[in-house]
Amino acid sequence: MSKDRFAFGLNWKKFLQNLDDNKIDRAVKSLKEWLNVEDLEGKTFLDIGSGSGLFSLSARRLGAVVHSFDYDNNSVACTQTLKDRYYPNDPEWSVEWGDALSEEYLSKYEQHDIVYSWGVLHHTGSMYDALDKAGKLVKPGGTLFIAIYNDQGTASKCWKAVKKTYNLLPGFLKLIVLIPCFIRLWGPTTIKDILRLKPFKTWHTYTMERGMSPWRDVVDWVGGWPFEVASPEEIFDFYHKRGFTLDKMSTCAGNHGCNQFVFTKLN
């Protein structure tokens, strides 16, 4: 893996240590709600940047034929771990290393009923190229479900500088960046919980729901590099020009994080 990319898979390995049936059930429910389906029987599902493999697993549980790939070898290993645990030797779920920017690699795939890429394409180093390539992998009448970092203007530029600095620093010196960021992101919430006489309630709830501690999540956020952003309007316009119509959207209300989109390909 390239040295200028953050090793997301190391965090996903920690996430899998706390994965249980309740978290899997919530992921399945989330996928059903976003795609407005009860099942995915007879559908093909391409997971670009499968990460932990949780949503590939969810799609398989809903009956889809699933193809999962990731650029990070540890993420590939995480997805393979879930496949081996829940669907060993299943020919209808493939897991492999792949590059979302490589035309040569992507040419092996036919168009799919559902192309899913949550919080991935803004980390490729060429986001709009990746968005274009992902769209081309959707069948006419098929669905594209993506999540892309929100453009906060000046704040996004500051985060970009923070992330770049973090990834340039060696070893323990990364704490020089991480600790202030952790205080910035979790300090106000922690103080509110203490004032409400419920110390660390949000921390514990977040850990239970996410399966990853706030600290590990901050590492994931601060380390996430390459880093690109887009406004909701920019994503809508980009895909509208390519023959997609927007079915569903959820924004992060101007904050840092991902805006989520579900598109249908018209032609």
C-alpha atoms as a PDB file:
ATOM      1  CA  MET A   1       0.000   0.000   0.000  1.00  0.00           C
ATOM      2  CA  SER A   2       1.220   3.513  -0.849  1.00  0.00           C
ATOM      3  CA  LYS A   3       2.900   5.372   2.015  1.00  0.00           C
ATOM      4  CA  ASP A   4       0.815   8.482   1.299  1.00  0.00           C
ATOM      5  CA  ARG A   5      -2.415   6.687   2.243  1.00  0.00           C
ATOM      6  CA  PHE A   6      -3.713   6.217   5.748  1.00  0.00           C
ATOM      7  CA  ALA A   7      -3.942   2.572   6.878  1.00  0.00           C
ATOM      8  CA  PHE A   8      -7.675   2.387   7.547  1.00  0.00           C
ATOM      9  CA  GLY A   9      -7.582  -1.407   7.742  1.00  0.00           C
ATOM     10  CA  LEU A  10      -5.727  -1.340  11.062  1.00  0.00           C
ATOM     11  CA  ASN A  11      -8.694   0.435  12.625  1.00  0.00           C
ATOM     12  CA  TRP A  12     -11.150  -1.946  10.982  1.00  0.00           C
ATOM     13  CA  LYS A  13      -9.348  -4.879  12.585  1.00  0.00           C
ATOM     14  CA  LYS A  14     -10.061  -3.335  15.982  1.00  0.00           C
ATOM     15  CA  PHE A  15     -13.675  -2.731  14.967  1.00  0.00           C
ATOM     16  CA  LEU A  16     -14.170  -6.425  14.169  1.00  0.00           C
ATOM     17  CA  GLN A  17     -13.070  -7.376  17.672  1.00  0.00           C
ATOM     18  CA  ASN A  18     -16.319  -5.848  18.972  1.00  0.00           C
ATOM     19  CA  LEU A  19     -18.647  -6.794  16.137  1.00  0.00           C
ATOM     20  CA  ASP A  20     -21.716  -8.707  17.285  1.00  0.00           C
ATOM     21  CA  ASP A  21     -25.112  -9.743  15.941  1.00  0.00           C
ATOM     22  CA  ASN A  22     -26.783  -6.533  17.128  1.00  0.00           C
ATOM     23  CA  LYS A  23     -24.394  -4.372  15.104  1.00  0.00           C
ATOM     24  CA  ILE A  24     -24.832  -6.604  12.061  1.00  0.00           C
ATOM     25  CA  ASP A  25     -28.624  -6.430  12.389  1.00  0.00           C
ATOM     26  CA  ARG A  26     -28.451  -2.620  12.555  1.00  0.00           C
ATOM     27  CA  ALA A  27     -26.311  -2.526   9.422  1.00  0.00           C
ATOM     28  CA  VAL A  28     -28.756  -4.792   7.580  1.00  0.00           C
ATOM     29  CA  LYS A  29     -31.663  -2.583   8.686  1.00  0.00           C
ATOM     30  CA  SER A  30     -29.803   0.545   7.579  1.00  0.00           C
ATOM     31  CA  LEU A  31     -29.128  -0.906   4.126  1.00  0.00           C
ATOM     32  CA  LYS A  32     -32.773  -1.923   3.716  1.00  0.00           C
ATOM     33  CA  GLU A  33     -33.969   1.543   4.697  1.00  0.00           C
ATOM     34  CA  TRP A  34     -31.531   3.420   2.469  1.00  0.00           C
ATOM     35  CA  LEU A  35     -32.221   1.218  -0.543  1.00  0.00           C
ATOM     36  CA  ASN A  36     -35.951   0.995   0.239  1.00  0.00           C
ATOM     37  CA  VAL A  37     -36.001  -2.809  -0.119  1.00  0.00           C
ATOM     38  CA  GLU A  38     -36.924  -5.856   1.943  1.00  0.00           C
ATOM     39  CA  ASP A  39     -34.277  -8.031   0.302  1.00  0.00           C
ATOM     40  CA  LEU A  40     -31.714  -8.048  -2.512  1.00  0.00           C
ATOM     41  CA  GLU A  41     -32.491 -11.464  -3.987  1.00  0.00           C
ATOM     42  CA  GLY A  42     -31.411 -11.635  -7.616  1.00  0.00           C
ATOM     43  CA  LYS A  43     -29.361  -8.423  -7.349  1.00  0.00           C
ATOM     44  CA  THR A  44     -25.623  -7.866  -7.735  1.00  0.00           C
ATOM     45  CA  PHE A  45     -23.865  -5.656  -5.178  1.00  0.00           C
ATOM     46  CA  LEU A  46     -20.421  -4.104  -5.740  1.00  0.00           C
ATOM     47  CA  ASP A  47     -18.765  -2.793  -2.581  1.00  0.00           C
ATOM     48  CA  ILE A  48     -15.998  -0.355  -3.560  1.00  0.00           C
ATOM     49  CA  GLY A  49     -13.703   0.042  -0.563  1.00  0.00           C
ATOM     50  CA  SER A  50     -15.283  -2.620   1.610  1.00  0.00           C
ATOM     51  CA  GLY A  51     -13.402  -1.639   4.791  1.00  0.00           C
ATOM     52  CA  SER A  52     -14.536  -3.880   7.625  1.00  0.00           C
ATOM     53  CA  GLY A  53     -16.754  -5.848   5.261  1.00  0.00           C
ATOM     54  CA  LEU A  54     -19.856  -5.152   7.380  1.00  0.00           C
ATOM     55  CA  PHE A  55     -22.002  -3.841   4.548  1.00  0.00           C
ATOM     56  CA  SER A  56     -20.835  -6.517   2.145  1.00  0.00           C
ATOM     57  CA  LEU A  57     -21.995  -8.998   4.780  1.00  0.00           C
ATOM     58  CA  SER A  58     -25.279  -7.105   5.124  1.00  0.00           C
ATOM     59  CA  ALA A  59     -25.895  -7.206   1.377  1.00  0.00           C
ATOM     60  CA  ARG A  60     -25.138 -10.933   1.290  1.00  0.00           C
ATOM     61  CA  ARG A  61     -27.563 -11.517   4.163  1.00  0.00           C
ATOM     62  CA  LEU A  62     -30.206  -9.751   2.105  1.00  0.00           C
ATOM     63  CA  GLY A  63     -29.580 -12.198  -0.749  1.00  0.00           C
ATOM     64  CA  ALA A  64     -27.326 -10.238  -3.124  1.00  0.00           C
ATOM     65  CA  VAL A  65     -24.426 -11.645  -5.085  1.00  0.00           C
ATOM     66  CA  VAL A  66     -21.604  -9.573  -3.596  1.00  0.00           C
ATOM     67  CA  HIS A  67     -18.249  -8.458  -4.965  1.00  0.00           C
ATOM     68  CA  SER A  68     -16.018  -6.665  -2.437  1.00  0.00           C
ATOM     69  CA  PHE A  69     -12.690  -4.970  -3.010  1.00  0.00           C
ATOM     70  CA  ASP A  70     -10.428  -2.524  -1.192  1.00  0.00           C
ATOM     71  CA  TYR A  71      -7.069  -0.846  -1.784  1.00  0.00           C
ATOM     72  CA  ASP A  72      -5.940  -1.477   1.801  1.00  0.00           C
ATOM     73  CA  ASN A  73      -4.690  -5.032   2.328  1.00  0.00           C
ATOM     74  CA  ASN A  74      -5.797  -5.041   5.979  1.00  0.00           C
ATOM     75  CA  SER A  75      -9.298  -4.027   4.916  1.00  0.00           C
ATOM     76  CA  VAL A  76      -9.332  -6.868   2.396  1.00  0.00           C
ATOM     77  CA  ALA A  77      -8.321  -9.190   5.249  1.00  0.00           C
ATOM     78  CA  CYS A  78     -11.144  -7.834   7.440  1.00  0.00           C
ATOM     79  CA  THR A  79     -13.747  -8.420   4.743  1.00  0.00           C
ATOM     80  CA  GLN A  80     -12.369 -11.894   4.113  1.00  0.00           C
ATOM     81  CA  THR A  81     -12.580 -12.600   7.851  1.00  0.00           C
ATOM     82  CA  LEU A  82     -16.312 -11.828   7.845  1.00  0.00           C
ATOM     83  CA  LYS A  83     -16.860 -13.909   4.742  1.00  0.00           C
ATOM     84  CA  ASP A  84     -15.015 -16.857   6.278  1.00  0.00           C
ATOM     85  CA  ARG A  85     -16.930 -16.456   9.537  1.00  0.00           C
ATOM     86  CA  TYR A  86     -20.445 -16.183   8.108  1.00  0.00           C
ATOM     87  CA  TYR A  87     -20.298 -17.425   4.492  1.00  0.00           C
ATOM     88  CA  PRO A  88     -17.328 -19.810   4.157  1.00  0.00           C
ATOM     89  CA  ASN A  89     -16.712 -21.132   0.647  1.00  0.00           C
ATOM     90  CA  ASP A  90     -19.656 -19.131  -0.686  1.00  0.00           C
ATOM     91  CA  PRO A  91     -19.290 -18.622  -4.479  1.00  0.00           C
ATOM     92  CA  GLU A  92     -21.731 -15.700  -4.383  1.00  0.00           C
ATOM     93  CA  TRP A  93     -19.418 -13.471  -2.362  1.00  0.00           C
ATOM     94  CA  SER A  94     -15.948 -12.606  -3.693  1.00  0.00           C
ATOM     95  CA  VAL A  95     -13.337 -10.571  -1.805  1.00  0.00           C
ATOM     96  CA  GLU A  96     -10.125  -9.170  -3.258  1.00  0.00           C
ATOM     97  CA  TRP A  97      -7.657  -6.312  -3.489  1.00  0.00           C
ATOM     98  CA  GLY A  98      -8.545  -3.660  -6.049  1.00  0.00           C
ATOM     99  CA  ASP A  99      -8.003  -0.055  -7.094  1.00  0.00           C
ATOM    100  CA  ALA A 100     -11.043   2.185  -7.622  1.00  0.00           C
ATOM    101  CA  LEU A 101      -8.998   4.372 -10.007  1.00  0.00           C
ATOM    102  CA  SER A 102      -7.658   1.586 -12.222  1.00  0.00           C
ATOM    103  CA  GLU A 103      -9.531   1.202 -15.503  1.00  0.00           C
ATOM    104  CA  GLU A 104      -7.659  -2.031 -16.125  1.00  0.00           C
ATOM    105  CA  TYR A 105      -8.830  -3.459 -12.800  1.00  0.00           C
ATOM    106  CA  LEU A 106     -12.411  -2.179 -13.036  1.00  0.00           C
ATOM    107  CA  SER A 107     -12.808  -3.523 -16.577  1.00  0.00           C
ATOM    108  CA  LYS A 108     -13.160  -7.021 -15.082  1.00  0.00           C
ATOM    109  CA  TYR A 109     -16.523  -6.052 -13.599  1.00  0.00           C
ATOM    110  CA  GLU A 110     -19.803  -5.963 -15.439  1.00  0.00           C
ATOM    111  CA  GLN A 111     -22.315  -3.300 -14.459  1.00  0.00           C
ATOM    112  CA  HIS A 112     -24.080  -4.010 -11.158  1.00  0.00           C
ATOM    113  CA  ASP A 113     -27.584  -3.500  -9.801  1.00  0.00           C
ATOM    114  CA  ILE A 114     -26.149  -1.735  -6.753  1.00  0.00           C
ATOM    115  CA  VAL A 115     -22.793   0.008  -6.429  1.00  0.00           C
ATOM    116  CA  TYR A 116     -21.982   0.925  -2.843  1.00  0.00           C
ATOM    117  CA  SER A 117     -19.069   3.075  -1.662  1.00  0.00           C
ATOM    118  CA  TRP A 118     -19.468   4.656   1.760  1.00  0.00           C
ATOM    119  CA  GLY A 119     -16.814   7.161   2.805  1.00  0.00           C
ATOM    120  CA  VAL A 120     -14.219   5.851   0.376  1.00  0.00           C
ATOM    121  CA  LEU A 121     -13.895   7.752  -2.891  1.00  0.00           C
ATOM    122  CA  HIS A 122     -12.739  10.984  -1.218  1.00  0.00           C
ATOM    123  CA  HIS A 123      -9.660   9.054  -0.031  1.00  0.00           C
ATOM    124  CA  THR A 124      -8.475   7.893  -3.448  1.00  0.00           C
ATOM    125  CA  GLY A 125      -6.473  11.020  -4.297  1.00  0.00           C
ATOM    126  CA  SER A 126      -8.631  11.676  -7.369  1.00  0.00           C
ATOM    127  CA  MET A 127     -12.188  11.871  -6.089  1.00  0.00           C
ATOM    128  CA  TYR A 128     -14.034  12.974  -9.202  1.00  0.00           C
ATOM    129  CA  ASP A 129     -12.298  10.385 -11.353  1.00  0.00           C
ATOM    130  CA  ALA A 130     -13.321   7.761  -8.777  1.00  0.00           C
ATOM    131  CA  LEU A 131     -16.900   9.071  -8.700  1.00  0.00           C
ATOM    132  CA  ASP A 132     -17.081   8.883 -12.485  1.00  0.00           C
ATOM    133  CA  LYS A 133     -15.727   5.342 -12.597  1.00  0.00           C
ATOM    134  CA  ALA A 134     -18.110   4.202  -9.857  1.00  0.00           C
ATOM    135  CA  GLY A 135     -21.063   5.603 -11.790  1.00  0.00           C
ATOM    136  CA  LYS A 136     -20.074   3.714 -14.928  1.00  0.00           C
ATOM    137  CA  LEU A 137     -20.305   0.440 -12.984  1.00  0.00           C
ATOM    138  CA  VAL A 138     -24.038   0.927 -12.318  1.00  0.00           C
ATOM    139  CA  LYS A 139     -26.567  -0.764 -14.613  1.00  0.00           C
ATOM    140  CA  PRO A 140     -29.249   1.396 -16.260  1.00  0.00           C
ATOM    141  CA  GLY A 141     -32.031   1.408 -13.694  1.00  0.00           C
ATOM    142  CA  GLY A 142     -29.526   0.455 -11.000  1.00  0.00           C
ATOM    143  CA  THR A 143     -28.602   2.173  -7.753  1.00  0.00           C
ATOM    144  CA  LEU A 144     -25.524   4.086  -6.613  1.00  0.00           C
ATOM    145  CA  PHE A 145     -25.170   4.560  -2.833  1.00  0.00           C
ATOM    146  CA  ILE A 146     -22.242   6.770  -1.801  1.00  0.00           C
ATOM    147  CA  ALA A 147     -21.092   8.936   1.089  1.00  0.00           C
ATOM    148  CA  ILE A 148     -18.680  11.825   0.544  1.00  0.00           C
ATOM    149  CA  TYR A 149     -17.065  14.253   2.990  1.00  0.00           C
ATOM    150  CA  ASN A 150     -18.910  17.532   3.305  1.00  0.00           C
ATOM    151  CA  ASP A 151     -17.192  20.710   2.103  1.00  0.00           C
ATOM    152  CA  GLN A 152     -17.034  23.100   5.070  1.00  0.00           C
ATOM    153  CA  GLY A 153     -15.009  25.723   3.241  1.00  0.00           C
ATOM    154  CA  THR A 154     -12.283  27.134   5.483  1.00  0.00           C
ATOM    155  CA  ALA A 155     -12.777  24.403   8.087  1.00  0.00           C
ATOM    156  CA  SER A 156     -12.155  21.700   5.465  1.00  0.00           C
ATOM    157  CA  LYS A 157      -8.973  23.445   4.388  1.00  0.00           C
ATOM    158  CA  CYS A 158      -7.803  23.485   8.010  1.00  0.00           C
ATOM    159  CA  TRP A 159      -8.589  19.777   8.402  1.00  0.00           C
ATOM    160  CA  LYS A 160      -6.683  19.070   5.215  1.00  0.00           C
ATOM    161  CA  ALA A 161      -3.591  20.739   6.686  1.00  0.00           C
ATOM    162  CA  VAL A 162      -4.031  18.824   9.953  1.00  0.00           C
ATOM    163  CA  LYS A 163      -4.375  15.491   8.168  1.00  0.00           C
ATOM    164  CA  LYS A 164      -1.369  16.118   5.952  1.00  0.00           C
ATOM    165  CA  THR A 165       0.754  17.087   8.952  1.00  0.00           C
ATOM    166  CA  TYR A 166      -0.356  14.025  10.913  1.00  0.00           C
ATOM    167  CA  ASN A 167       0.608  11.656   8.120  1.00  0.00           C
ATOM    168  CA  LEU A 168       4.017  13.278   7.698  1.00  0.00           C
ATOM    169  CA  LEU A 169       4.933  12.942  11.381  1.00  0.00           C
ATOM    170  CA  PRO A 170       6.741   9.813  12.578  1.00  0.00           C
ATOM    171  CA  GLY A 171       5.461   7.464  15.295  1.00  0.00           C
ATOM    172  CA  PHE A 172       4.759   8.989  18.708  1.00  0.00           C
ATOM    173  CA  LEU A 173       4.985  12.550  17.327  1.00  0.00           C
ATOM    174  CA  LYS A 174       1.554  11.995  15.776  1.00  0.00           C
ATOM    175  CA  LEU A 175       0.163  12.512  19.296  1.00  0.00           C
ATOM    176  CA  ILE A 176       1.093  16.192  18.947  1.00  0.00           C
ATOM    177  CA  VAL A 177      -1.710  16.409  16.392  1.00  0.00           C
ATOM    178  CA  LEU A 178      -4.075  13.762  17.752  1.00  0.00           C
ATOM    179  CA  ILE A 179      -4.474  15.043  21.308  1.00  0.00           C
ATOM    180  CA  PRO A 180      -5.586  18.614  20.403  1.00  0.00           C
ATOM    181  CA  CYS A 181      -7.934  17.180  17.762  1.00  0.00           C
ATOM    182  CA  PHE A 182      -9.441  14.775  20.266  1.00  0.00           C
ATOM    183  CA  ILE A 183     -10.020  17.629  22.718  1.00  0.00           C
ATOM    184  CA  ARG A 184     -11.566  19.734  19.935  1.00  0.00           C
ATOM    185  CA  LEU A 185     -13.907  16.973  18.769  1.00  0.00           C
ATOM    186  CA  TRP A 186     -14.867  15.387  22.092  1.00  0.00           C
ATOM    187  CA  GLY A 187     -14.176  18.060  24.704  1.00  0.00           C
ATOM    188  CA  PRO A 188     -17.482  19.995  24.407  1.00  0.00           C
ATOM    189  CA  THR A 189     -19.581  16.798  24.449  1.00  0.00           C
ATOM    190  CA  THR A 190     -17.733  15.423  27.466  1.00  0.00           C
ATOM    191  CA  ILE A 191     -18.192  18.686  29.388  1.00  0.00           C
ATOM    192  CA  LYS A 192     -21.932  18.685  28.603  1.00  0.00           C
ATOM    193  CA  ASP A 193     -22.273  15.125  29.875  1.00  0.00           C
ATOM    194  CA  ILE A 194     -20.492  16.039  33.121  1.00  0.00           C
ATOM    195  CA  LEU A 195     -22.718  19.100  33.639  1.00  0.00           C
ATOM    196  CA  ARG A 196     -25.779  16.881  33.106  1.00  0.00           C
ATOM    197  CA  LEU A 197     -24.405  14.533  35.779  1.00  0.00           C
ATOM    198  CA  LYS A 198     -24.049  11.799  33.160  1.00  0.00           C
ATOM    199  CA  PRO A 199     -20.255  11.643  32.729  1.00  0.00           C
ATOM    200  CA  PHE A 200     -19.100   9.898  29.554  1.00  0.00           C
ATOM    201  CA  LYS A 201     -22.641   8.796  28.612  1.00  0.00           C
ATOM    202  CA  THR A 202     -22.194   9.922  24.987  1.00  0.00           C
ATOM    203  CA  TRP A 203     -18.773   8.248  24.907  1.00  0.00           C
ATOM    204  CA  HIS A 204     -20.216   4.893  26.022  1.00  0.00           C
ATOM    205  CA  THR A 205     -23.254   5.144  23.711  1.00  0.00           C
ATOM    206  CA  TYR A 206     -21.040   6.006  20.772  1.00  0.00           C
ATOM    207  CA  THR A 207     -18.750   3.055  21.467  1.00  0.00           C
ATOM    208  CA  MET A 208     -21.702   0.654  21.670  1.00  0.00           C
ATOM    209  CA  GLU A 209     -23.272   1.904  18.431  1.00  0.00           C
ATOM    210  CA  ARG A 210     -20.114   2.303  16.369  1.00  0.00           C
ATOM    211  CA  GLY A 211     -18.162  -0.643  17.717  1.00  0.00           C
ATOM    212  CA  MET A 212     -15.122   1.621  17.846  1.00  0.00           C
ATOM    213  CA  SER A 213     -14.058   3.921  20.665  1.00  0.00           C
ATOM    214  CA  PRO A 214     -14.120   7.712  20.181  1.00  0.00           C
ATOM    215  CA  TRP A 215     -10.325   7.693  20.354  1.00  0.00           C
ATOM    216  CA  ARG A 216     -10.004   5.160  17.496  1.00  0.00           C
ATOM    217  CA  ASP A 217     -12.572   7.124  15.512  1.00  0.00           C
ATOM    218  CA  VAL A 218     -10.582  10.334  15.945  1.00  0.00           C
ATOM    219  CA  VAL A 219      -7.471   8.514  14.752  1.00  0.00           C
ATOM    220  CA  ASP A 220      -9.456   7.397  11.708  1.00  0.00           C
ATOM    221  CA  TRP A 221     -10.735  10.928  11.034  1.00  0.00           C
ATOM    222  CA  VAL A 222      -7.441  12.761  11.587  1.00  0.00           C
ATOM    223  CA  GLY A 223      -5.412  10.159   9.718  1.00  0.00           C
ATOM    224  CA  GLY A 224      -7.732   9.928   6.741  1.00  0.00           C
ATOM    225  CA  TRP A 225      -5.536  10.861   3.778  1.00  0.00           C
ATOM    226  CA  PRO A 226      -5.827  11.609   0.848  1.00  0.00           C
ATOM    227  CA  PHE A 227      -8.695  13.931   1.724  1.00  0.00           C
ATOM    228  CA  GLU A 228     -11.159  15.637  -0.619  1.00  0.00           C
ATOM    229  CA  VAL A 229     -14.565  17.178  -0.024  1.00  0.00           C
ATOM    230  CA  ALA A 230     -17.656  18.255  -1.969  1.00  0.00           C
ATOM    231  CA  SER A 231     -20.870  20.094  -1.262  1.00  0.00           C
ATOM    232  CA  PRO A 232     -24.178  18.252  -1.692  1.00  0.00           C
ATOM    233  CA  GLU A 233     -24.916  20.419  -4.714  1.00  0.00           C
ATOM    234  CA  GLU A 234     -21.638  19.496  -6.375  1.00  0.00           C
ATOM    235  CA  ILE A 235     -22.324  15.774  -6.018  1.00  0.00           C
ATOM    236  CA  PHE A 236     -25.892  16.182  -7.270  1.00  0.00           C
ATOM    237  CA  ASP A 237     -24.787  18.191 -10.325  1.00  0.00           C
ATOM    238  CA  PHE A 238     -21.956  15.770 -11.088  1.00  0.00           C
ATOM    239  CA  TYR A 239     -24.245  12.764 -11.297  1.00  0.00           C
ATOM    240  CA  HIS A 240     -27.213  14.595 -12.824  1.00  0.00           C
ATOM    241  CA  LYS A 241     -25.007  15.392 -15.832  1.00  0.00           C
ATOM    242  CA  ARG A 242     -24.214  11.667 -16.107  1.00  0.00           C
ATOM    243  CA  GLY A 243     -27.807  10.503 -16.271  1.00  0.00           C
ATOM    244  CA  PHE A 244     -28.562   9.883 -12.593  1.00  0.00           C
ATOM    245  CA  THR A 245     -31.538  11.026 -10.559  1.00  0.00           C
ATOM    246  CA  LEU A 246     -31.373  11.563  -6.796  1.00  0.00           C
ATOM    247  CA  ASP A 247     -33.608   9.278  -4.730  1.00  0.00           C
ATOM    248  CA  LYS A 248     -32.474  10.030  -1.203  1.00  0.00           C
ATOM    249  CA  MET A 249     -29.981  12.273   0.553  1.00  0.00           C
ATOM    250  CA  SER A 250     -28.866  12.996   4.103  1.00  0.00           C
ATOM    251  CA  THR A 251     -26.453  15.838   4.860  1.00  0.00           C
ATOM    252  CA  CYS A 252     -24.400  16.489   7.975  1.00  0.00           C
ATOM    253  CA  ALA A 253     -25.902  19.990   8.305  1.00  0.00           C
ATOM    254  CA  GLY A 254     -22.725  21.875   7.481  1.00  0.00           C
ATOM    255  CA  ASN A 255     -20.568  19.943   9.924  1.00  0.00           C
ATOM    256  CA  HIS A 256     -17.577  17.697   9.261  1.00  0.00           C
ATOM    257  CA  GLY A 257     -18.475  14.187   8.186  1.00  0.00           C
ATOM    258  CA  CYS A 258     -20.199  12.582   5.233  1.00  0.00           C
ATOM    259  CA  ASN A 259     -23.195  13.519   3.142  1.00  0.00           C
ATOM    260  CA  GLN A 260     -25.016  10.388   1.932  1.00  0.00           C
ATOM    261  CA  PHE A 261     -26.659   9.940  -1.473  1.00  0.00           C
ATOM    262  CA  VAL A 262     -28.709   7.288  -3.222  1.00  0.00           C
ATOM    263  CA  PHE A 263     -28.996   7.747  -6.999  1.00  0.00           C
ATOM    264  CA  THR A 264     -30.780   5.806  -9.739  1.00  0.00           C
ATOM    265  CA  LYS A 265     -29.100   5.560 -13.138  1.00  0.00           C
ATOM    266  CA  LEU A 266     -31.597   6.442 -15.839  1.00  0.00           C
ATOM    267  CA  ASN A 267     -29.627   5.342 -18.894  1.00  0.00           C
END
